[in-house]
Structure formats: C-alpha cells, structure tokens
Amino acid sequence: MSTNSTTNATHGEEHGHEHVHDLRDDYGSKLGMWLFLFTELILFGGLFLLYMAYRYQYFPEFQLSAKSLKIWMGGLNTIILLTSSLTMVLSIVALQRRKIKASIYWLITTIVFAFGFLVVKYFEWSDKFAHGIFPGGEELALKSQGEKVFYGLYFTMTGLHGLHVIIGMIILGFILVFIVKGKVSPDRFALIENGGLYWHLVDLIWIFLFPLFYLLH
C-alpha cells in the first residue's frame, strides 16, 4: 500500500512537472513569436513612413504611377489572403477540437491560397518587366524621379512581403508534416497557433500595402 502510494505520488509529481514544463514552453514560444512580430511591424512601419514621406514629396508622380497598377489583381490577392486567414483559423480550431483530418485539409487549403497569391503576383510583376519597368530597366530609366521612387518602393515592399509569404508557406508546410506525424496535436497546438499569428501578420501587412499602391490615386 505504501509502495503504491509512493509510486502514484511519484507519477503525479512527474506528470505535474511535465504539465508545468509544457505550459512554460507554450508561454515562451508565444512570447518569442510576439516579439518577432513586433520587429516585423517596426520594419514595415518604417517602410510605410518612408512611402508617405516620398508620396508627399512626389505627389503627382505617385498618383500617375499608381494608375498603372491593375487594381483587380491587387483586389484578387486581397481576397485570397483574407480567405487564407479564415482557413488558417479553421485549421487551428479543428485541431483543438481533435478533428485532425479537417485541420490538415484547412491547412493545405491555406498553403494553396498562399501559392495562388504568388501566382497572381508573378503575372503582375511579369507585365511590368515586359514593359521595361523594373529596377535598372530601360523604360523606368526614362521616367521622372518621382516615378522611379514609386516603382522602387513598389518592388521593394511588395517583394519583401512576397518573401514573407514564401517563408509562411514553408512554416505552414512544416506544421503540416508535424500534424501528420503527431508532433503537433490537440494537446500540443502552440506551434500551429504561432504559425497562425505569423500568417495573420502577413495578411495584415498586405491590407496596408494594397490601398497605398493600388487605391490612392
């Protein structure tokens, strides 16, 4: 009796230590993710301020250049990313409710939407490149200084955002593999929550990029 009690107590203590350890890991990983997201906000916040400063300096040139961008392409990508945020949430909720297959389905759907965003961006950039409008391009060299600044910011900021989309796809891909292997489960879902936070940041940044470059004429 005494031996059993001691054994149970030992197991209880071990279980308690594991529980505390898991909670500590989840808290630390989420804190780390929020700090990382904060640095990302500072980075893009600085770029947004730079855009607004140059827009004030070259207002007519920015208006003219913005009209050359295809609003429907930017709008389509906005719909794609907003929808992907929804599917990301559905994947997290499904995992928390122990619906593994549903979580995998919505996560794959999110990755497909991310790929769709890049496809639209590829065609948009290809159109500009075909007309010689790219950094170092002959047609861009003939334009005014304000237009050069606009397209410089356009390629820099949308390109940097596109890089974040690619990184997000890689992160979500790893999470997908971890779910399949059971390393991310209904009892250990901090990783997919952090992945979701990153993906929502990617969407949030685009929500600001879209009106700045496509809608402000």
Foldseek 3Di string as FASTA:
>chain_A
DVVVVVVVVVVVVVVVVVVVVLVVVLVVVVVVLVVVLVVVCVVVVVLVVVLVVLCVVVVVLLVVLLQPADLVLLVVLLVLLVVLLVLLVQLLVCQLVQNLVSNLVSLVSSLVSLVVNVVSVVVRVVVCVVVQNDVVGPVLVPDDPSNVVNSVSVCVLVVVLNVLSVVLSVLSVVVSVCSVVVVDGSVHPSSSVSSSVSSVSSSVSSVVVSCSRHPDD
